[in-house]
PDB file of all heavy atoms in Angstrom:
ATOM      1  N   PRO A   1     114.443 102.802 122.119  1.00  0.00           N
ATOM      2  CA  PRO A   1     113.691 101.552 121.829  1.00  0.00           C
ATOM      3  C   PRO A   1     114.272 100.395 122.624  1.00  0.00           C
ATOM      4  O   PRO A   1     115.438 100.359 122.951  1.00  0.00           O
ATOM      5  CB  PRO A   1     113.922 101.343 120.314  1.00  0.00           C
ATOM      6  CG  PRO A   1     115.143 102.122 120.004  1.00  0.00           C
ATOM      7  CD  PRO A   1     115.170 103.292 120.940  1.00  0.00           C
ATOM      8  N   PHE A   2     113.389  99.445 122.960  1.00  0.00           N
ATOM      9  CA  PHE A   2     113.862  98.272 123.668  1.00  0.00           C
ATOM     10  C   PHE A   2     114.818  97.466 122.778  1.00  0.00           C
ATOM     11  O   PHE A   2     114.536  97.256 121.562  1.00  0.00           O
ATOM     12  CB  PHE A   2     112.667  97.408 124.065  1.00  0.00           C
ATOM     13  CG  PHE A   2     111.851  97.976 125.146  1.00  0.00           C
ATOM     14  CD1 PHE A   2     110.647  98.569 124.867  1.00  0.00           C
ATOM     15  CD2 PHE A   2     112.283  97.957 126.478  1.00  0.00           C
ATOM     16  CE1 PHE A   2     109.880  99.119 125.865  1.00  0.00           C
ATOM     17  CE2 PHE A   2     111.505  98.502 127.496  1.00  0.00           C
ATOM     18  CZ  PHE A   2     110.290  99.072 127.176  1.00  0.00           C
ATOM     19  N   PRO A   3     115.911  96.998 123.329  1.00  0.00           N
ATOM     20  CA  PRO A   3     116.870  96.217 122.478  1.00  0.00           C
ATOM     21  C   PRO A   3     116.211  94.930 121.962  1.00  0.00           C
ATOM     22  O   PRO A   3     115.475  94.280 122.684  1.00  0.00           O
ATOM     23  CB  PRO A   3     118.010  95.917 123.463  1.00  0.00           C
ATOM     24  CG  PRO A   3     117.430  96.074 124.812  1.00  0.00           C
ATOM     25  CD  PRO A   3     116.370  97.117 124.702  1.00  0.00           C
ATOM     26  N   GLY A   4     116.472  94.672 120.722  1.00  0.00           N
ATOM     27  CA  GLY A   4     115.938  93.442 120.120  1.00  0.00           C
ATOM     28  C   GLY A   4     114.614  93.616 119.440  1.00  0.00           C
ATOM     29  O   GLY A   4     114.191  92.736 118.682  1.00  0.00           O
ATOM     30  N   LEU A   5     113.925  94.738 119.682  1.00  0.00           N
ATOM     31  CA  LEU A   5     112.610  94.939 119.043  1.00  0.00           C
ATOM     32  C   LEU A   5     112.835  95.601 117.681  1.00  0.00           C
ATOM     33  O   LEU A   5     113.748  96.380 117.489  1.00  0.00           O
ATOM     34  CB  LEU A   5     111.725  95.818 119.897  1.00  0.00           C
ATOM     35  CG  LEU A   5     111.225  95.208 121.200  1.00  0.00           C
ATOM     36  CD1 LEU A   5     110.349  96.193 121.946  1.00  0.00           C
ATOM     37  CD2 LEU A   5     110.440  93.923 120.939  1.00  0.00           C
ATOM     38  N   PRO A   6     111.974  95.302 116.723  1.00  0.00           N
ATOM     39  CA  PRO A   6     112.134  95.916 115.390  1.00  0.00           C
ATOM     40  C   PRO A   6     111.873  97.413 115.449  1.00  0.00           C
ATOM     41  O   PRO A   6     111.083  97.880 116.252  1.00  0.00           O
ATOM     42  CB  PRO A   6     111.062  95.179 114.547  1.00  0.00           C
ATOM     43  CG  PRO A   6     110.057  94.713 115.528  1.00  0.00           C
ATOM     44  CD  PRO A   6     110.828  94.384 116.788  1.00  0.00           C
ATOM     45  N   ASP A   7     112.528  98.143 114.557  1.00  0.00           N
ATOM     46  CA  ASP A   7     112.310  99.607 114.505  1.00  0.00           C
ATOM     47  C   ASP A   7     111.494  99.960 113.261  1.00  0.00           C
ATOM     48  O   ASP A   7     111.507 101.093 112.791  1.00  0.00           O
ATOM     49  CB  ASP A   7     113.627 100.374 114.513  1.00  0.00           C
ATOM     50  CG  ASP A   7     114.558  99.947 113.372  1.00  0.00           C
ATOM     51  OD1 ASP A   7     114.138  99.069 112.553  1.00  0.00           O
ATOM     52  OD2 ASP A   7     115.667 100.475 113.275  1.00  0.00           O
ATOM     53  N   THR A   8     110.774  98.962 112.762  1.00  0.00           N
ATOM     54  CA  THR A   8     109.866  99.166 111.613  1.00  0.00           C
ATOM     55  C   THR A   8     108.517  98.528 111.886  1.00  0.00           C
ATOM     56  O   THR A   8     108.375  97.711 112.810  1.00  0.00           O
ATOM     57  CB  THR A   8     110.463  98.602 110.328  1.00  0.00           C
ATOM     58  OG1 THR A   8     110.574  97.174 110.470  1.00  0.00           O
ATOM     59  CG2 THR A   8     111.828  99.197 109.984  1.00  0.00           C
ATOM     60  N   PHE A   9     107.531  98.902 111.090  1.00  0.00           N
ATOM     61  CA  PHE A   9     106.234  98.213 111.127  1.00  0.00           C
ATOM     62  C   PHE A   9     105.797  98.056 109.669  1.00  0.00           C
ATOM     63  O   PHE A   9     106.231  98.763 108.779  1.00  0.00           O
ATOM     64  CB  PHE A   9     105.199  99.031 111.910  1.00  0.00           C
ATOM     65  CG  PHE A   9     104.738 100.277 111.206  1.00  0.00           C
ATOM     66  CD1 PHE A   9     103.499 100.323 110.558  1.00  0.00           C
ATOM     67  CD2 PHE A   9     105.512 101.430 111.207  1.00  0.00           C
ATOM     68  CE1 PHE A   9     103.066 101.458 109.892  1.00  0.00           C
ATOM     69  CE2 PHE A   9     105.073 102.579 110.576  1.00  0.00           C
ATOM     70  CZ  PHE A   9     103.857 102.612 109.917  1.00  0.00           C
ATOM     71  N   ASP A  10     104.905  97.092 109.437  1.00  0.00           N
ATOM     72  CA  ASP A  10     104.393  96.826 108.101  1.00  0.00           C
ATOM     73  C   ASP A  10     103.194  97.741 107.860  1.00  0.00           C
ATOM     74  O   ASP A  10     102.141  97.531 108.450  1.00  0.00           O
ATOM     75  CB  ASP A  10     104.016  95.385 107.902  1.00  0.00           C
ATOM     76  CG  ASP A  10     105.228  94.467 107.850  1.00  0.00           C
ATOM     77  OD1 ASP A  10     106.328  94.978 107.575  1.00  0.00           O
ATOM     78  OD2 ASP A  10     105.071  93.244 108.054  1.00  0.00           O
ATOM     79  N   GLY A  11     103.362  98.728 107.014  1.00  0.00           N
ATOM     80  CA  GLY A  11     102.289  99.702 106.769  1.00  0.00           C
ATOM     81  C   GLY A  11     102.142  99.986 105.293  1.00  0.00           C
ATOM     82  O   GLY A  11     102.824  99.423 104.450  1.00  0.00           O
ATOM     83  N   TYR A  12     101.237 100.913 105.015  1.00  0.00           N
ATOM     84  CA  TYR A  12     100.938 101.299 103.627  1.00  0.00           C
ATOM     85  C   TYR A  12     101.468 102.715 103.415  1.00  0.00           C
ATOM     86  O   TYR A  12     100.951 103.682 103.986  1.00  0.00           O
ATOM     87  CB  TYR A  12      99.417 101.270 103.388  1.00  0.00           C
ATOM     88  CG  TYR A  12      98.799  99.914 103.527  1.00  0.00           C
ATOM     89  CD1 TYR A  12      98.212  99.515 104.727  1.00  0.00           C
ATOM     90  CD2 TYR A  12      98.831  98.984 102.480  1.00  0.00           C
ATOM     91  CE1 TYR A  12      97.666  98.259 104.844  1.00  0.00           C
ATOM     92  CE2 TYR A  12      98.264  97.723 102.599  1.00  0.00           C
ATOM     93  CZ  TYR A  12      97.680  97.368 103.793  1.00  0.00           C
ATOM     94  OH  TYR A  12      97.137  96.120 103.948  1.00  0.00           O
ATOM     95  N   LEU A  13     102.490 102.835 102.597  1.00  0.00           N
ATOM     96  CA  LEU A  13     103.074 104.149 102.322  1.00  0.00           C
ATOM     97  C   LEU A  13     102.223 104.854 101.244  1.00  0.00           C
ATOM     98  O   LEU A  13     102.001 104.305 100.187  1.00  0.00           O
ATOM     99  CB  LEU A  13     104.522 104.015 101.854  1.00  0.00           C
ATOM    100  CG  LEU A  13     105.270 105.329 101.629  1.00  0.00           C
ATOM    101  CD1 LEU A  13     105.391 106.127 102.934  1.00  0.00           C
ATOM    102  CD2 LEU A  13     106.635 105.049 101.043  1.00  0.00           C
ATOM    103  N   ARG A  14     101.780 106.050 101.574  1.00  0.00           N
ATOM    104  CA  ARG A  14     100.948 106.826 100.659  1.00  0.00           C
ATOM    105  C   ARG A  14     101.804 107.781  99.828  1.00  0.00           C
ATOM    106  O   ARG A  14     102.911 108.150 100.251  1.00  0.00           O
ATOM    107  CB  ARG A  14      99.878 107.609 101.432  1.00  0.00           C
ATOM    108  CG  ARG A  14      98.979 106.717 102.289  1.00  0.00           C
ATOM    109  CD  ARG A  14      98.319 105.589 101.506  1.00  0.00           C
ATOM    110  NE  ARG A  14      97.390 104.811 102.340  1.00  0.00           N
ATOM    111  CZ  ARG A  14      96.848 103.666 101.974  1.00  0.00           C
ATOM    112  NH1 ARG A  14      97.132 103.166 100.782  1.00  0.00           N
ATOM    113  NH2 ARG A  14      96.014 103.024 102.765  1.00  0.00           N
ATOM    114  N   PRO A  15     101.313 108.233  98.697  1.00  0.00           N
ATOM    115  CA  PRO A  15     102.108 109.113  97.853  1.00  0.00           C
ATOM    116  C   PRO A  15     102.554 110.413  98.510  1.00  0.00           C
ATOM    117  O   PRO A  15     103.586 110.993  98.159  1.00  0.00           O
ATOM    118  CB  PRO A  15     101.173 109.431  96.681  1.00  0.00           C
ATOM    119  CG  PRO A  15     100.291 108.232  96.590  1.00  0.00           C
ATOM    120  CD  PRO A  15     100.081 107.796  98.019  1.00  0.00           C
ATOM    121  N   ASP A  16     101.797 110.866  99.531  1.00  0.00           N
ATOM    122  CA  ASP A  16     102.169 112.130 100.208  1.00  0.00           C
ATOM    123  C   ASP A  16     103.196 111.881 101.334  1.00  0.00           C
ATOM    124  O   ASP A  16     103.569 112.815 102.062  1.00  0.00           O
ATOM    125  CB  ASP A  16     100.943 112.828 100.798  1.00  0.00           C
ATOM    126  CG  ASP A  16     100.227 112.022 101.884  1.00  0.00           C
ATOM    127  OD1 ASP A  16     100.698 110.924 102.219  1.00  0.00           O
ATOM    128  OD2 ASP A  16      99.178 112.510 102.358  1.00  0.00           O
ATOM    129  N   GLY A  17     103.685 110.649 101.471  1.00  0.00           N
ATOM    130  CA  GLY A  17     104.700 110.336 102.451  1.00  0.00           C
ATOM    131  C   GLY A  17     104.167 109.852 103.778  1.00  0.00           C
ATOM    132  O   GLY A  17     104.946 109.347 104.618  1.00  0.00           O
ATOM    133  N   ARG A  18     102.855 109.947 104.018  1.00  0.00           N
ATOM    134  CA  ARG A  18     102.271 109.464 105.243  1.00  0.00           C
ATOM    135  C   ARG A  18     102.067 107.952 105.140  1.00  0.00           C
ATOM    136  O   ARG A  18     102.102 107.374 104.070  1.00  0.00           O
ATOM    137  CB  ARG A  18     100.969 110.161 105.560  1.00  0.00           C
ATOM    138  CG  ARG A  18     101.146 111.651 105.846  1.00  0.00           C
ATOM    139  CD  ARG A  18      99.833 112.281 106.294  1.00  0.00           C
ATOM    140  NE  ARG A  18      98.808 112.165 105.275  1.00  0.00           N
ATOM    141  CZ  ARG A  18      97.515 112.339 105.516  1.00  0.00           C
ATOM    142  NH1 ARG A  18      97.076 112.614 106.693  1.00  0.00           N
ATOM    143  NH2 ARG A  18      96.640 112.247 104.527  1.00  0.00           N
ATOM    144  N   ALA A  19     101.844 107.307 106.292  1.00  0.00           N
ATOM    145  CA  ALA A  19     101.675 105.844 106.320  1.00  0.00           C
ATOM    146  C   ALA A  19     100.347 105.494 106.930  1.00  0.00           C
ATOM    147  O   ALA A  19      99.930 106.064 107.943  1.00  0.00           O
ATOM    148  CB  ALA A  19     102.813 105.208 107.083  1.00  0.00           C
ATOM    149  N   GLY A  20      99.733 104.480 106.358  1.00  0.00           N
ATOM    150  CA  GLY A  20      98.505 103.928 106.925  1.00  0.00           C
ATOM    151  C   GLY A  20      98.787 102.598 107.593  1.00  0.00           C
ATOM    152  O   GLY A  20      99.668 101.855 107.117  1.00  0.00           O
ATOM    153  N   THR A  21      98.061 102.292 108.658  1.00  0.00           N
ATOM    154  CA  THR A  21      98.161 100.962 109.252  1.00  0.00           C
ATOM    155  C   THR A  21      97.131 100.043 108.668  1.00  0.00           C
ATOM    156  O   THR A  21      97.193  98.822 108.880  1.00  0.00           O
ATOM    157  CB  THR A  21      97.969 101.061 110.786  1.00  0.00           C
ATOM    158  OG1 THR A  21      96.699 101.676 111.072  1.00  0.00           O
ATOM    159  CG2 THR A  21      99.081 101.900 111.408  1.00  0.00           C
ATOM    160  N   ARG A  22      96.141 100.600 107.964  1.00  0.00           N
ATOM    161  CA  ARG A  22      95.121  99.778 107.293  1.00  0.00           C
ATOM    162  C   ARG A  22      94.951 100.309 105.876  1.00  0.00           C
ATOM    163  O   ARG A  22      95.305 101.445 105.569  1.00  0.00           O
ATOM    164  CB  ARG A  22      93.785  99.852 108.060  1.00  0.00           C
ATOM    165  CG  ARG A  22      93.850  99.274 109.448  1.00  0.00           C
ATOM    166  CD  ARG A  22      92.497  99.251 110.112  1.00  0.00           C
ATOM    167  NE  ARG A  22      91.918 100.551 110.312  1.00  0.00           N
ATOM    168  CZ  ARG A  22      92.178 101.340 111.334  1.00  0.00           C
ATOM    169  NH1 ARG A  22      93.063 100.980 112.253  1.00  0.00           N
ATOM    170  NH2 ARG A  22      91.589 102.507 111.483  1.00  0.00           N
ATOM    171  N   ASN A  23      94.381  99.489 105.017  1.00  0.00           N
ATOM    172  CA  ASN A  23      94.149  99.866 103.621  1.00  0.00           C
ATOM    173  C   ASN A  23      92.678  99.638 103.316  1.00  0.00           C
ATOM    174  O   ASN A  23      92.287  98.589 102.813  1.00  0.00           O
ATOM    175  CB  ASN A  23      95.033  99.060 102.693  1.00  0.00           C
ATOM    176  CG  ASN A  23      95.023  99.615 101.270  1.00  0.00           C
ATOM    177  OD1 ASN A  23      95.025 100.820 101.054  1.00  0.00           O
ATOM    178  ND2 ASN A  23      95.016  98.730 100.286  1.00  0.00           N
ATOM    179  N   GLU A  24      91.864 100.624 103.668  1.00  0.00           N
ATOM    180  CA  GLU A  24      90.413 100.504 103.546  1.00  0.00           C
ATOM    181  C   GLU A  24      89.842 101.412 102.470  1.00  0.00           C
ATOM    182  O   GLU A  24      90.527 102.331 102.034  1.00  0.00           O
ATOM    183  CB  GLU A  24      89.783 100.848 104.907  1.00  0.00           C
ATOM    184  CG  GLU A  24      90.248  99.927 106.042  1.00  0.00           C
ATOM    185  CD  GLU A  24      89.846 100.413 107.400  1.00  0.00           C
ATOM    186  OE1 GLU A  24      89.471 101.579 107.557  1.00  0.00           O
ATOM    187  OE2 GLU A  24      89.897  99.593 108.325  1.00  0.00           O
ATOM    188  N   VAL A  25      88.640 101.155 102.075  1.00  0.00           N
ATOM    189  CA  VAL A  25      87.897 102.051 101.175  1.00  0.00           C
ATOM    190  C   VAL A  25      86.771 102.673 102.009  1.00  0.00           C
ATOM    191  O   VAL A  25      86.008 101.973 102.659  1.00  0.00           O
ATOM    192  CB  VAL A  25      87.327 101.287  99.966  1.00  0.00           C
ATOM    193  CG1 VAL A  25      86.371 102.200  99.157  1.00  0.00           C
ATOM    194  CG2 VAL A  25      88.466 100.811  99.066  1.00  0.00           C
ATOM    195  N   TRP A  26      86.716 103.994 101.980  1.00  0.00           N
ATOM    196  CA  TRP A  26      85.741 104.720 102.808  1.00  0.00           C
ATOM    197  C   TRP A  26      84.710 105.399 101.910  1.00  0.00           C
ATOM    198  O   TRP A  26      85.040 105.903 100.822  1.00  0.00           O
ATOM    199  CB  TRP A  26      86.462 105.769 103.642  1.00  0.00           C
ATOM    200  CG  TRP A  26      87.315 105.183 104.738  1.00  0.00           C
ATOM    201  CD1 TRP A  26      87.470 103.844 105.038  1.00  0.00           C
ATOM    202  CD2 TRP A  26      88.137 105.905 105.662  1.00  0.00           C
ATOM    203  NE1 TRP A  26      88.308 103.712 106.117  1.00  0.00           N
ATOM    204  CE2 TRP A  26      88.736 104.926 106.515  1.00  0.00           C
ATOM    205  CE3 TRP A  26      88.374 107.248 105.885  1.00  0.00           C
ATOM    206  CZ2 TRP A  26      89.592 105.314 107.542  1.00  0.00           C
ATOM    207  CZ3 TRP A  26      89.251 107.606 106.921  1.00  0.00           C
ATOM    208  CH2 TRP A  26      89.850 106.651 107.735  1.00  0.00           C
ATOM    209  N   ILE A  27      83.479 105.406 102.357  1.00  0.00           N
ATOM    210  CA  ILE A  27      82.364 106.061 101.680  1.00  0.00           C
ATOM    211  C   ILE A  27      81.937 107.247 102.545  1.00  0.00           C
ATOM    212  O   ILE A  27      81.415 107.050 103.668  1.00  0.00           O
ATOM    213  CB  ILE A  27      81.205 105.093 101.434  1.00  0.00           C
ATOM    214  CG1 ILE A  27      81.698 103.798 100.765  1.00  0.00           C
ATOM    215  CG2 ILE A  27      80.119 105.755 100.597  1.00  0.00           C
ATOM    216  CD1 ILE A  27      80.675 102.696 100.697  1.00  0.00           C
ATOM    217  N   ILE A  28      82.173 108.466 102.077  1.00  0.00           N
ATOM    218  CA  ILE A  28      81.964 109.669 102.861  1.00  0.00           C
ATOM    219  C   ILE A  28      80.784 110.471 102.285  1.00  0.00           C
ATOM    220  O   ILE A  28      80.843 110.939 101.174  1.00  0.00           O
ATOM    221  CB  ILE A  28      83.237 110.538 102.844  1.00  0.00           C
ATOM    222  CG1 ILE A  28      84.467 109.735 103.191  1.00  0.00           C
ATOM    223  CG2 ILE A  28      83.055 111.753 103.763  1.00  0.00           C
ATOM    224  CD1 ILE A  28      84.533 109.240 104.606  1.00  0.00           C
ATOM    225  N   PRO A  29      79.694 110.657 103.060  1.00  0.00           N
ATOM    226  CA  PRO A  29      78.619 111.523 102.583  1.00  0.00           C
ATOM    227  C   PRO A  29      78.946 112.968 102.831  1.00  0.00           C
ATOM    228  O   PRO A  29      79.533 113.313 103.878  1.00  0.00           O
ATOM    229  CB  PRO A  29      77.437 111.054 103.440  1.00  0.00           C
ATOM    230  CG  PRO A  29      78.032 110.522 104.708  1.00  0.00           C
ATOM    231  CD  PRO A  29      79.392 109.988 104.347  1.00  0.00           C
ATOM    232  N   THR A  30      78.584 113.835 101.907  1.00  0.00           N
ATOM    233  CA  THR A  30      78.742 115.275 102.146  1.00  0.00           C
ATOM    234  C   THR A  30      77.623 115.813 103.004  1.00  0.00           C
ATOM    235  O   THR A  30      77.750 116.929 103.534  1.00  0.00           O
ATOM    236  CB  THR A  30      78.755 116.052 100.818  1.00  0.00           C
ATOM    237  OG1 THR A  30      77.518 115.802 100.144  1.00  0.00           O
ATOM    238  CG2 THR A  30      79.924 115.621  99.932  1.00  0.00           C
TER     239      THR A  30
END
């Protein structure tokens, strides 16, 4: 990593351990 840059980002941690960059509601047709 470039010196001085943060090694984190502000995201949404999900219960399964994955992270989202957005927190949206999706409507999915079958």
